[in-house]
Amino acid sequence: MSEASDLWSGVERAEQAMSEFGVVPEARTVCIRRVLPGPIERVWAYLTESEKRGRWLASGPMELHVGGRVELNFRNAELTPHAEPTPEKYKGRGECASVHGRITRCDAPRLLSYTWGGPSGESEVTFELTPQGEDVMLVLTHRRLGNRGAMVSVAGGWHTHLGILLDQLEGREPRPFWSTFEPLEAEYERRLPPD
């Protein structure tokens, strides 16, 4: 275990995750890093197994080979026991929004990439996992986002979903989705560079 990991308690790790905002390493790309409790196989399972992925992001089948099908069925209201109304801006998407894609890279348990269909074109999300003692460094990179508005929404969404993943891995009650997402989306609106 690294010296930094020795010093962190679960609360400190959660606070750090909420204070670390994603960055824009290249045009139309958002990158977010998180240190998560391991082992790496456990984090991989939360990325790839429908039931576990459905606790923090979206359930659905995933064929773990290059060219394999990915289906993500988002039910954000079910990620947490906190009942909250869906904001007006997102009500048109219904109770379950779905995204479809294809696996572009898969090297279990360290690398997973897949396309992410959307109204502004197909983007790609990549998860890179690196063991750090008992913890795991997750680097999430979402590329080829259609425009700045998509980047703001995606960054706020990933930030919120990764916070819920951390809650799940730490064995805590997941934070509320919408009341976490809305201020994060507003902060990314402020932080991300103009087109």
N, C-alpha and C. Protein backbone atom coordinates (compact mmCIF):
# COMPACT_ATOMS: atom_id res chain seq x y z
N MET A 1 0.86 -1.18 0.00
CA MET A 1 0.00 0.00 0.00
C MET A 1 0.89 1.23 0.00
N SER A 2 0.53 2.26 -0.76
CA SER A 2 1.34 3.47 -0.82
C SER A 2 1.18 4.27 0.46
N GLU A 3 2.14 5.16 0.70
CA GLU A 3 2.08 6.00 1.89
C GLU A 3 0.81 6.85 1.90
N ALA A 4 0.44 7.39 0.73
CA ALA A 4 -0.78 8.21 0.65
C ALA A 4 -2.00 7.38 0.99
N SER A 5 -2.06 6.13 0.50
CA SER A 5 -3.21 5.27 0.80
C SER A 5 -3.30 4.98 2.28
N ASP A 6 -2.14 4.80 2.94
CA ASP A 6 -2.14 4.55 4.38
C ASP A 6 -2.79 5.67 5.15
N LEU A 7 -2.65 6.89 4.67
CA LEU A 7 -3.13 8.06 5.40
C LEU A 7 -4.60 8.36 5.16
N TRP A 8 -5.14 7.85 4.08
CA TRP A 8 -6.52 8.18 3.74
C TRP A 8 -7.51 7.34 4.50
N SER A 9 -8.51 7.97 5.03
CA SER A 9 -9.67 7.23 5.53
C SER A 9 -10.73 7.27 4.44
N GLY A 10 -11.78 6.51 4.58
CA GLY A 10 -12.85 6.52 3.60
C GLY A 10 -13.44 7.90 3.40
N VAL A 11 -13.60 8.65 4.48
CA VAL A 11 -14.18 9.99 4.39
C VAL A 11 -13.25 10.91 3.61
N GLU A 12 -11.96 10.85 3.91
CA GLU A 12 -11.01 11.70 3.19
C GLU A 12 -11.00 11.37 1.70
N ARG A 13 -11.09 10.08 1.37
CA ARG A 13 -11.10 9.66 -0.03
C ARG A 13 -12.34 10.23 -0.72
N ALA A 14 -13.50 10.16 -0.06
CA ALA A 14 -14.74 10.68 -0.65
C ALA A 14 -14.64 12.19 -0.86
N GLU A 15 -14.09 12.90 0.14
CA GLU A 15 -13.94 14.35 0.00
C GLU A 15 -13.00 14.69 -1.16
N GLN A 16 -11.92 13.93 -1.31
CA GLN A 16 -11.01 14.21 -2.40
C GLN A 16 -11.69 13.97 -3.74
N ALA A 17 -12.45 12.88 -3.84
CA ALA A 17 -13.14 12.58 -5.11
C ALA A 17 -14.06 13.72 -5.50
N MET A 18 -14.74 14.32 -4.54
CA MET A 18 -15.66 15.41 -4.86
C MET A 18 -14.92 16.70 -5.18
N SER A 19 -13.68 16.83 -4.74
CA SER A 19 -12.96 18.07 -5.00
C SER A 19 -12.13 17.98 -6.29
N GLU A 20 -12.00 16.81 -6.88
CA GLU A 20 -11.20 16.65 -8.08
C GLU A 20 -12.09 16.73 -9.32
N PHE A 21 -11.90 17.77 -10.07
CA PHE A 21 -12.69 17.96 -11.28
C PHE A 21 -11.94 17.41 -12.48
N GLY A 22 -12.70 17.02 -13.48
CA GLY A 22 -12.11 16.54 -14.72
C GLY A 22 -11.40 17.66 -15.45
N VAL A 23 -10.56 17.27 -16.40
CA VAL A 23 -9.80 18.22 -17.20
C VAL A 23 -10.07 17.95 -18.68
N VAL A 24 -9.65 18.89 -19.52
CA VAL A 24 -9.80 18.78 -20.97
C VAL A 24 -8.38 18.64 -21.54
N PRO A 25 -7.92 17.39 -21.74
CA PRO A 25 -6.55 17.20 -22.22
C PRO A 25 -6.38 17.48 -23.71
N GLU A 26 -7.48 17.42 -24.46
CA GLU A 26 -7.46 17.71 -25.90
C GLU A 26 -8.87 18.10 -26.30
N ALA A 27 -9.03 18.58 -27.51
CA ALA A 27 -10.33 19.06 -27.98
C ALA A 27 -11.40 17.97 -27.85
N ARG A 28 -12.58 18.39 -27.39
CA ARG A 28 -13.76 17.54 -27.27
C ARG A 28 -13.54 16.29 -26.42
N THR A 29 -12.69 16.41 -25.39
CA THR A 29 -12.32 15.29 -24.52
C THR A 29 -12.37 15.72 -23.06
N VAL A 30 -12.92 14.85 -22.22
CA VAL A 30 -12.93 15.07 -20.77
C VAL A 30 -12.23 13.88 -20.13
N CYS A 31 -11.37 14.15 -19.15
CA CYS A 31 -10.64 13.10 -18.45
C CYS A 31 -10.80 13.31 -16.94
N ILE A 32 -11.18 12.26 -16.23
CA ILE A 32 -11.36 12.32 -14.77
C ILE A 32 -10.57 11.17 -14.15
N ARG A 33 -9.85 11.45 -13.07
CA ARG A 33 -9.08 10.44 -12.33
C ARG A 33 -9.69 10.24 -10.96
N ARG A 34 -9.71 9.00 -10.52
CA ARG A 34 -10.18 8.68 -9.17
C ARG A 34 -9.34 7.54 -8.60
N VAL A 35 -9.04 7.63 -7.32
CA VAL A 35 -8.45 6.51 -6.58
C VAL A 35 -9.61 5.81 -5.90
N LEU A 36 -9.74 4.51 -6.19
CA LEU A 36 -10.85 3.71 -5.67
C LEU A 36 -10.31 2.55 -4.83
N PRO A 37 -11.08 2.08 -3.87
CA PRO A 37 -10.63 0.91 -3.11
C PRO A 37 -10.66 -0.33 -4.00
N GLY A 38 -9.58 -1.11 -3.95
CA GLY A 38 -9.45 -2.29 -4.79
C GLY A 38 -10.01 -3.54 -4.13
N PRO A 39 -9.60 -4.65 -4.66
CA PRO A 39 -8.58 -4.85 -5.68
C PRO A 39 -9.09 -4.54 -7.08
N ILE A 40 -8.19 -4.58 -8.06
CA ILE A 40 -8.51 -4.21 -9.42
C ILE A 40 -9.63 -5.07 -10.00
N GLU A 41 -9.67 -6.35 -9.65
CA GLU A 41 -10.71 -7.25 -10.18
C GLU A 41 -12.09 -6.81 -9.70
N ARG A 42 -12.17 -6.30 -8.50
CA ARG A 42 -13.45 -5.80 -7.96
C ARG A 42 -13.91 -4.58 -8.74
N VAL A 43 -13.02 -3.63 -9.00
CA VAL A 43 -13.38 -2.43 -9.76
C VAL A 43 -13.77 -2.84 -11.19
N TRP A 44 -13.03 -3.76 -11.79
CA TRP A 44 -13.35 -4.25 -13.14
C TRP A 44 -14.77 -4.81 -13.17
N ALA A 45 -15.14 -5.57 -12.15
CA ALA A 45 -16.49 -6.14 -12.09
C ALA A 45 -17.55 -5.03 -12.08
N TYR A 46 -17.29 -3.93 -11.39
CA TYR A 46 -18.24 -2.82 -11.36
C TYR A 46 -18.31 -2.08 -12.69
N LEU A 47 -17.31 -2.25 -13.54
CA LEU A 47 -17.34 -1.65 -14.88
C LEU A 47 -18.05 -2.56 -15.89
N THR A 48 -17.97 -3.86 -15.68
CA THR A 48 -18.35 -4.80 -16.74
C THR A 48 -19.58 -5.65 -16.44
N GLU A 49 -19.89 -5.91 -15.19
CA GLU A 49 -21.03 -6.77 -14.85
C GLU A 49 -22.29 -5.93 -14.72
N SER A 50 -23.33 -6.29 -15.45
CA SER A 50 -24.55 -5.49 -15.53
C SER A 50 -25.12 -5.14 -14.16
N GLU A 51 -25.25 -6.11 -13.29
CA GLU A 51 -25.88 -5.88 -11.98
C GLU A 51 -25.06 -4.89 -11.15
N LYS A 52 -23.75 -5.06 -11.13
CA LYS A 52 -22.89 -4.15 -10.36
C LYS A 52 -22.82 -2.78 -11.02
N ARG A 53 -22.69 -2.74 -12.36
CA ARG A 53 -22.65 -1.47 -13.08
C ARG A 53 -23.96 -0.70 -12.90
N GLY A 54 -25.06 -1.45 -12.80
CA GLY A 54 -26.37 -0.83 -12.61
C GLY A 54 -26.53 -0.14 -11.27
N ARG A 55 -25.64 -0.41 -10.32
CA ARG A 55 -25.70 0.25 -9.01
C ARG A 55 -25.09 1.64 -9.02
N TRP A 56 -24.27 1.95 -10.04
CA TRP A 56 -23.62 3.26 -10.05
C TRP A 56 -23.74 4.00 -11.39
N LEU A 57 -23.98 3.28 -12.47
CA LEU A 57 -24.03 3.90 -13.79
C LEU A 57 -25.28 3.47 -14.54
N ALA A 58 -25.22 2.29 -15.15
CA ALA A 58 -26.32 1.80 -15.98
C ALA A 58 -26.17 0.30 -16.18
N SER A 59 -27.26 -0.42 -16.12
CA SER A 59 -27.23 -1.86 -16.35
C SER A 59 -27.33 -2.14 -17.84
N GLY A 60 -27.14 -3.38 -18.21
CA GLY A 60 -27.28 -3.80 -19.59
C GLY A 60 -26.18 -4.74 -19.99
N PRO A 61 -26.42 -5.50 -21.07
CA PRO A 61 -25.43 -6.48 -21.51
C PRO A 61 -24.18 -5.82 -22.08
N MET A 62 -23.05 -6.51 -21.90
CA MET A 62 -21.76 -6.04 -22.41
C MET A 62 -20.98 -7.27 -22.85
N GLU A 63 -20.65 -7.35 -24.13
CA GLU A 63 -19.88 -8.46 -24.67
C GLU A 63 -18.41 -8.07 -24.65
N LEU A 64 -17.64 -8.68 -23.75
CA LEU A 64 -16.27 -8.25 -23.47
C LEU A 64 -15.24 -8.78 -24.47
N HIS A 65 -15.37 -8.31 -25.71
CA HIS A 65 -14.38 -8.58 -26.75
C HIS A 65 -14.50 -7.44 -27.77
N VAL A 66 -13.42 -7.19 -28.47
CA VAL A 66 -13.44 -6.11 -29.46
C VAL A 66 -14.55 -6.39 -30.47
N GLY A 67 -15.38 -5.40 -30.70
CA GLY A 67 -16.54 -5.53 -31.56
C GLY A 67 -17.80 -5.94 -30.81
N GLY A 68 -17.65 -6.33 -29.55
CA GLY A 68 -18.79 -6.76 -28.74
C GLY A 68 -19.77 -5.63 -28.49
N ARG A 69 -21.02 -6.01 -28.31
CA ARG A 69 -22.11 -5.05 -28.11
C ARG A 69 -22.13 -4.55 -26.67
N VAL A 70 -22.46 -3.26 -26.51
CA VAL A 70 -22.65 -2.62 -25.21
C VAL A 70 -24.02 -1.97 -25.20
N GLU A 71 -24.78 -2.22 -24.15
CA GLU A 71 -26.06 -1.55 -23.95
C GLU A 71 -26.09 -1.02 -22.53
N LEU A 72 -26.31 0.27 -22.40
CA LEU A 72 -26.39 0.91 -21.09
C LEU A 72 -27.78 1.47 -20.89
N ASN A 73 -28.48 0.99 -19.88
CA ASN A 73 -29.83 1.44 -19.57
C ASN A 73 -29.79 2.26 -18.28
N PHE A 74 -29.88 3.58 -18.44
CA PHE A 74 -29.75 4.50 -17.32
C PHE A 74 -31.08 4.65 -16.58
N ARG A 75 -31.03 4.43 -15.28
CA ARG A 75 -32.16 4.67 -14.38
C ARG A 75 -31.61 5.44 -13.18
N ASN A 76 -31.27 6.70 -13.43
CA ASN A 76 -30.59 7.50 -12.40
C ASN A 76 -31.37 7.60 -11.10
N ALA A 77 -32.70 7.61 -11.17
CA ALA A 77 -33.51 7.71 -9.96
C ALA A 77 -33.38 6.47 -9.09
N GLU A 78 -32.92 5.35 -9.65
CA GLU A 78 -32.80 4.11 -8.88
C GLU A 78 -31.40 3.89 -8.32
N LEU A 79 -30.47 4.80 -8.58
CA LEU A 79 -29.09 4.63 -8.10
C LEU A 79 -28.94 4.92 -6.62
N THR A 80 -29.92 5.54 -6.04
CA THR A 80 -29.83 6.00 -4.66
C THR A 80 -31.20 5.91 -4.00
N PRO A 81 -31.24 5.73 -2.69
CA PRO A 81 -32.53 5.71 -2.01
C PRO A 81 -33.14 7.10 -1.83
N HIS A 82 -32.42 8.15 -2.19
CA HIS A 82 -32.91 9.51 -2.05
C HIS A 82 -33.87 9.83 -3.19
N ALA A 83 -35.14 9.99 -2.87
CA ALA A 83 -36.13 10.31 -3.91
C ALA A 83 -36.01 11.78 -4.29
N GLU A 84 -35.78 12.03 -5.57
CA GLU A 84 -35.66 13.40 -6.08
C GLU A 84 -36.36 13.47 -7.43
N PRO A 85 -36.99 14.59 -7.72
CA PRO A 85 -37.58 14.74 -9.05
C PRO A 85 -36.48 14.95 -10.10
N THR A 86 -36.75 14.47 -11.30
CA THR A 86 -35.84 14.70 -12.41
C THR A 86 -35.95 16.17 -12.82
N PRO A 87 -34.82 16.86 -12.98
CA PRO A 87 -34.87 18.26 -13.41
C PRO A 87 -35.58 18.39 -14.76
N GLU A 88 -36.26 19.50 -14.96
CA GLU A 88 -37.01 19.76 -16.20
C GLU A 88 -36.16 19.50 -17.44
N LYS A 89 -34.92 19.96 -17.40
CA LYS A 89 -34.01 19.85 -18.53
C LYS A 89 -33.84 18.40 -19.00
N TYR A 90 -33.99 17.43 -18.09
CA TYR A 90 -33.74 16.03 -18.41
C TYR A 90 -35.00 15.17 -18.44
N LYS A 91 -36.17 15.76 -18.22
CA LYS A 91 -37.41 14.98 -18.18
C LYS A 91 -37.77 14.34 -19.51
N GLY A 92 -37.43 14.94 -20.61
CA GLY A 92 -37.78 14.41 -21.91
C GLY A 92 -37.13 13.08 -22.24
N ARG A 93 -36.15 12.68 -21.47
CA ARG A 93 -35.43 11.43 -21.73
C ARG A 93 -36.13 10.22 -21.13
N GLY A 94 -37.20 10.43 -20.38
CA GLY A 94 -37.95 9.32 -19.82
C GLY A 94 -37.28 8.73 -18.59
N GLU A 95 -37.91 7.72 -18.05
CA GLU A 95 -37.40 7.08 -16.83
C GLU A 95 -36.16 6.23 -17.11
N CYS A 96 -36.03 5.75 -18.33
CA CYS A 96 -34.88 4.92 -18.68
C CYS A 96 -34.33 5.38 -20.03
N ALA A 97 -33.15 5.96 -20.00
CA ALA A 97 -32.47 6.34 -21.23
C ALA A 97 -31.47 5.25 -21.57
N SER A 98 -31.33 4.93 -22.84
CA SER A 98 -30.41 3.87 -23.25
C SER A 98 -29.35 4.41 -24.21
N VAL A 99 -28.16 3.86 -24.07
CA VAL A 99 -27.03 4.17 -24.94
C VAL A 99 -26.51 2.83 -25.47
N HIS A 100 -26.18 2.80 -26.76
CA HIS A 100 -25.64 1.59 -27.37
C HIS A 100 -24.27 1.88 -27.96
N GLY A 101 -23.42 0.88 -27.94
CA GLY A 101 -22.09 1.04 -28.50
C GLY A 101 -21.44 -0.30 -28.77
N ARG A 102 -20.16 -0.22 -29.12
CA ARG A 102 -19.35 -1.41 -29.41
C ARG A 102 -18.01 -1.30 -28.68
N ILE A 103 -17.53 -2.44 -28.19
CA ILE A 103 -16.22 -2.48 -27.53
C ILE A 103 -15.14 -2.21 -28.58
N THR A 104 -14.26 -1.27 -28.27
CA THR A 104 -13.14 -0.96 -29.17
C THR A 104 -11.81 -1.49 -28.64
N ARG A 105 -11.69 -1.62 -27.32
CA ARG A 105 -10.50 -2.21 -26.70
C ARG A 105 -10.92 -2.90 -25.41
N CYS A 106 -10.32 -4.06 -25.14
CA CYS A 106 -10.63 -4.78 -23.91
C CYS A 106 -9.43 -5.60 -23.50
N ASP A 107 -8.84 -5.26 -22.36
CA ASP A 107 -7.71 -5.98 -21.80
C ASP A 107 -7.98 -6.14 -20.31
N ALA A 108 -8.77 -7.17 -19.96
CA ALA A 108 -9.19 -7.37 -18.57
C ALA A 108 -7.99 -7.63 -17.68
N PRO A 109 -7.93 -7.10 -16.49
CA PRO A 109 -8.84 -6.14 -15.87
C PRO A 109 -8.30 -4.71 -15.89
N ARG A 110 -7.59 -4.33 -16.94
CA ARG A 110 -6.90 -3.03 -16.94
C ARG A 110 -7.43 -1.99 -17.90
N LEU A 111 -8.08 -2.40 -18.99
CA LEU A 111 -8.46 -1.44 -20.03
C LEU A 111 -9.78 -1.84 -20.66
N LEU A 112 -10.67 -0.87 -20.75
CA LEU A 112 -11.95 -1.09 -21.42
C LEU A 112 -12.32 0.19 -22.15
N SER A 113 -12.61 0.09 -23.46
CA SER A 113 -13.08 1.23 -24.25
C SER A 113 -14.27 0.79 -25.05
N TYR A 114 -15.24 1.70 -25.19
CA TYR A 114 -16.37 1.42 -26.06
C TYR A 114 -16.95 2.70 -26.61
N THR A 115 -17.61 2.56 -27.76
CA THR A 115 -18.27 3.70 -28.35
C THR A 115 -19.53 4.01 -27.55
N TRP A 116 -19.95 5.25 -27.66
CA TRP A 116 -21.06 5.77 -26.87
C TRP A 116 -21.94 6.55 -27.83
N GLY A 117 -23.03 5.92 -28.28
CA GLY A 117 -23.92 6.59 -29.23
C GLY A 117 -24.64 7.75 -28.56
N GLY A 118 -24.89 8.79 -29.30
CA GLY A 118 -25.57 9.95 -28.74
C GLY A 118 -26.15 10.82 -29.84
N PRO A 119 -27.00 11.79 -29.44
CA PRO A 119 -27.65 12.64 -30.44
C PRO A 119 -26.67 13.49 -31.23
N SER A 120 -25.50 13.79 -30.67
CA SER A 120 -24.54 14.63 -31.39
C SER A 120 -23.43 13.79 -32.02
N GLY A 121 -23.67 12.50 -32.21
CA GLY A 121 -22.67 11.63 -32.83
C GLY A 121 -22.10 10.64 -31.84
N GLU A 122 -21.27 9.76 -32.34
CA GLU A 122 -20.71 8.69 -31.53
C GLU A 122 -19.40 9.14 -30.89
N SER A 123 -19.34 9.01 -29.58
CA SER A 123 -18.12 9.32 -28.84
C SER A 123 -17.53 8.00 -28.34
N GLU A 124 -16.46 8.09 -27.57
CA GLU A 124 -15.82 6.88 -27.04
C GLU A 124 -15.38 7.13 -25.61
N VAL A 125 -15.67 6.17 -24.74
CA VAL A 125 -15.25 6.26 -23.34
C VAL A 125 -14.23 5.15 -23.06
N THR A 126 -13.17 5.51 -22.32
CA THR A 126 -12.10 4.56 -21.98
C THR A 126 -11.90 4.58 -20.47
N PHE A 127 -11.80 3.38 -19.91
CA PHE A 127 -11.50 3.19 -18.49
C PHE A 127 -10.14 2.50 -18.42
N GLU A 128 -9.19 3.14 -17.72
CA GLU A 128 -7.88 2.53 -17.49
C GLU A 128 -7.72 2.33 -16.00
N LEU A 129 -7.37 1.11 -15.59
CA LEU A 129 -7.21 0.76 -14.19
C LEU A 129 -5.76 0.38 -13.92
N THR A 130 -5.19 0.96 -12.85
CA THR A 130 -3.82 0.67 -12.44
C THR A 130 -3.81 0.43 -10.94
N PRO A 131 -3.32 -0.74 -10.49
CA PRO A 131 -3.24 -0.98 -9.05
C PRO A 131 -2.28 0.02 -8.40
N GLN A 132 -2.68 0.47 -7.20
CA GLN A 132 -1.82 1.33 -6.36
C GLN A 132 -1.91 0.78 -4.95
N GLY A 133 -1.11 -0.23 -4.65
CA GLY A 133 -1.23 -0.91 -3.37
C GLY A 133 -2.58 -1.61 -3.30
N GLU A 134 -3.33 -1.34 -2.26
CA GLU A 134 -4.68 -1.92 -2.12
C GLU A 134 -5.72 -1.13 -2.90
N ASP A 135 -5.34 0.03 -3.42
CA ASP A 135 -6.26 0.88 -4.16
C ASP A 135 -6.05 0.70 -5.66
N VAL A 136 -6.92 1.37 -6.42
CA VAL A 136 -6.86 1.32 -7.88
C VAL A 136 -7.02 2.73 -8.41
N MET A 137 -6.11 3.14 -9.30
CA MET A 137 -6.26 4.42 -10.00
C MET A 137 -7.13 4.16 -11.22
N LEU A 138 -8.24 4.87 -11.30
CA LEU A 138 -9.11 4.82 -12.46
C LEU A 138 -8.92 6.11 -13.24
N VAL A 139 -8.61 5.99 -14.52
CA VAL A 139 -8.55 7.14 -15.41
C VAL A 139 -9.66 6.93 -16.44
N LEU A 140 -10.64 7.80 -16.42
CA LEU A 140 -11.77 7.74 -17.35
C LEU A 140 -11.58 8.87 -18.36
N THR A 141 -11.57 8.52 -19.64
CA THR A 141 -11.41 9.51 -20.70
C THR A 141 -12.57 9.35 -21.68
N HIS A 142 -13.31 10.42 -21.88
CA HIS A 142 -14.44 10.40 -22.82
C HIS A 142 -14.07 11.33 -23.97
N ARG A 143 -13.90 10.75 -25.18
CA ARG A 143 -13.41 11.48 -26.36
C ARG A 143 -14.52 11.68 -27.40
N ARG A 144 -14.23 12.58 -28.32
CA ARG A 144 -15.07 12.86 -29.48
C ARG A 144 -16.46 13.34 -29.08
N LEU A 145 -16.52 14.13 -28.03
CA LEU A 145 -17.79 14.71 -27.61
C LEU A 145 -18.19 15.79 -28.61
N GLY A 146 -19.47 15.88 -28.92
CA GLY A 146 -19.96 16.71 -30.02
C GLY A 146 -19.69 18.19 -29.92
N ASN A 147 -19.80 18.74 -28.70
CA ASN A 147 -19.64 20.18 -28.54
C ASN A 147 -19.41 20.47 -27.05
N ARG A 148 -19.24 21.74 -26.74
CA ARG A 148 -18.96 22.12 -25.35
C ARG A 148 -20.13 21.76 -24.44
N GLY A 149 -21.37 21.93 -24.89
CA GLY A 149 -22.53 21.57 -24.09
C GLY A 149 -22.52 20.10 -23.71
N ALA A 150 -22.15 19.25 -24.67
CA ALA A 150 -22.04 17.81 -24.38
C ALA A 150 -20.93 17.55 -23.38
N MET A 151 -19.82 18.27 -23.52
CA MET A 151 -18.70 18.09 -22.59
C MET A 151 -19.10 18.45 -21.17
N VAL A 152 -19.83 19.55 -21.01
CA VAL A 152 -20.27 19.99 -19.68
C VAL A 152 -21.19 18.94 -19.05
N SER A 153 -22.16 18.48 -19.81
CA SER A 153 -23.11 17.49 -19.31
C SER A 153 -22.42 16.17 -18.98
N VAL A 154 -21.56 15.71 -19.89
CA VAL A 154 -20.85 14.44 -19.69
C VAL A 154 -19.91 14.53 -18.49
N ALA A 155 -19.18 15.63 -18.36
CA ALA A 155 -18.27 15.78 -17.22
C ALA A 155 -19.03 15.76 -15.90
N GLY A 156 -20.13 16.51 -15.82
CA GLY A 156 -20.95 16.50 -14.61
C GLY A 156 -21.53 15.12 -14.33
N GLY A 157 -21.96 14.44 -15.40
CA GLY A 157 -22.51 13.10 -15.24
C GLY A 157 -21.48 12.10 -14.75
N TRP A 158 -20.31 12.07 -15.39
CA TRP A 158 -19.27 11.14 -14.94
C TRP A 158 -18.83 11.45 -13.52
N HIS A 159 -18.68 12.71 -13.20
CA HIS A 159 -18.26 13.10 -11.85
C HIS A 159 -19.26 12.55 -10.82
N THR A 160 -20.55 12.71 -11.11
CA THR A 160 -21.60 12.23 -10.21
C THR A 160 -21.60 10.71 -10.14
N HIS A 161 -21.58 10.05 -11.29
CA HIS A 161 -21.60 8.59 -11.31
C HIS A 161 -20.38 8.00 -10.60
N LEU A 162 -19.21 8.59 -10.80
CA LEU A 162 -18.01 8.08 -10.13
C LEU A 162 -18.09 8.27 -8.62
N GLY A 163 -18.74 9.34 -8.17
CA GLY A 163 -18.97 9.51 -6.73
C GLY A 163 -19.86 8.40 -6.18
N ILE A 164 -20.87 8.01 -6.93
CA ILE A 164 -21.75 6.92 -6.51
C ILE A 164 -20.99 5.60 -6.55
N LEU A 165 -20.12 5.40 -7.54
CA LEU A 165 -19.28 4.20 -7.56
C LEU A 165 -18.41 4.14 -6.31
N LEU A 166 -17.79 5.26 -5.95
CA LEU A 166 -16.97 5.29 -4.74
C LEU A 166 -17.82 4.93 -3.52
N ASP A 167 -19.04 5.48 -3.42
CA ASP A 167 -19.93 5.14 -2.31
C ASP A 167 -20.18 3.63 -2.27
N GLN A 168 -20.47 3.03 -3.43
CA GLN A 168 -20.73 1.59 -3.49
C GLN A 168 -19.51 0.80 -3.04
N LEU A 169 -18.34 1.15 -3.53
CA LEU A 169 -17.12 0.43 -3.18
C LEU A 169 -16.74 0.61 -1.72
N GLU A 170 -17.11 1.74 -1.13
CA GLU A 170 -16.83 2.02 0.28
C GLU A 170 -17.90 1.44 1.20
N GLY A 171 -19.01 0.92 0.61
CA GLY A 171 -20.09 0.35 1.43
C GLY A 171 -20.96 1.40 2.09
N ARG A 172 -21.03 2.60 1.51
CA ARG A 172 -21.86 3.68 2.05
C ARG A 172 -23.14 3.81 1.24
N GLU A 173 -24.14 4.42 1.84
CA GLU A 173 -25.35 4.74 1.10
C GLU A 173 -24.99 5.72 0.00
N PRO A 174 -25.41 5.45 -1.25
CA PRO A 174 -25.05 6.34 -2.35
C PRO A 174 -25.65 7.73 -2.19
N ARG A 175 -24.86 8.72 -2.55
CA ARG A 175 -25.31 10.12 -2.52
C ARG A 175 -26.48 10.31 -3.49
N PRO A 176 -27.31 11.32 -3.29
CA PRO A 176 -28.41 11.57 -4.22
C PRO A 176 -27.86 11.94 -5.60
N PHE A 177 -28.54 11.48 -6.65
CA PHE A 177 -28.01 11.71 -7.99
C PHE A 177 -28.21 13.15 -8.45
N TRP A 178 -29.48 13.59 -8.59
CA TRP A 178 -29.73 14.89 -9.23
C TRP A 178 -29.20 16.06 -8.43
N SER A 179 -29.35 16.04 -7.11
CA SER A 179 -28.87 17.19 -6.32
C SER A 179 -27.34 17.20 -6.22
N THR A 180 -26.68 16.11 -6.60
CA THR A 180 -25.23 16.11 -6.74
C THR A 180 -24.85 16.58 -8.13
N PHE A 181 -25.56 16.08 -9.14
CA PHE A 181 -25.25 16.38 -10.53
C PHE A 181 -25.42 17.85 -10.89
N GLU A 182 -26.53 18.46 -10.49
CA GLU A 182 -26.81 19.83 -10.95
C GLU A 182 -25.74 20.83 -10.56
N PRO A 183 -25.27 20.88 -9.30
CA PRO A 183 -24.19 21.84 -9.01
C PRO A 183 -22.87 21.49 -9.70
N LEU A 184 -22.62 20.19 -9.91
CA LEU A 184 -21.40 19.80 -10.63
C LEU A 184 -21.48 20.24 -12.09
N GLU A 185 -22.63 20.06 -12.71
CA GLU A 185 -22.79 20.49 -14.09
C GLU A 185 -22.58 22.01 -14.19
N ALA A 186 -23.12 22.75 -13.22
CA ALA A 186 -22.93 24.21 -13.21
C ALA A 186 -21.45 24.57 -13.04
N GLU A 187 -20.74 23.81 -12.20
CA GLU A 187 -19.32 24.08 -11.99
C GLU A 187 -18.51 23.75 -13.25
N TYR A 188 -18.85 22.67 -13.93
CA TYR A 188 -18.17 22.37 -15.19
C TYR A 188 -18.48 23.42 -16.26
N GLU A 189 -19.68 23.96 -16.25
CA GLU A 189 -20.03 25.06 -17.16
C GLU A 189 -19.08 26.23 -16.94
N ARG A 190 -18.75 26.47 -15.69
CA ARG A 190 -17.85 27.56 -15.34
C ARG A 190 -16.40 27.23 -15.68
N ARG A 191 -15.99 25.98 -15.47
CA ARG A 191 -14.60 25.58 -15.57
C ARG A 191 -14.12 25.25 -16.99
N LEU A 192 -14.98 24.61 -17.79
CA LEU A 192 -14.50 24.13 -19.09
C LEU A 192 -14.27 25.29 -20.05
N PRO A 193 -13.21 25.20 -20.84
CA PRO A 193 -12.90 26.30 -21.75
C PRO A 193 -13.96 26.42 -22.84
N PRO A 194 -14.11 27.62 -23.40
CA PRO A 194 -15.07 27.80 -24.49
C PRO A 194 -14.62 27.03 -25.72
N ASP A 195 -15.57 26.81 -26.65
CA ASP A 195 -15.24 26.09 -27.90
C ASP A 195 -14.13 26.81 -28.63
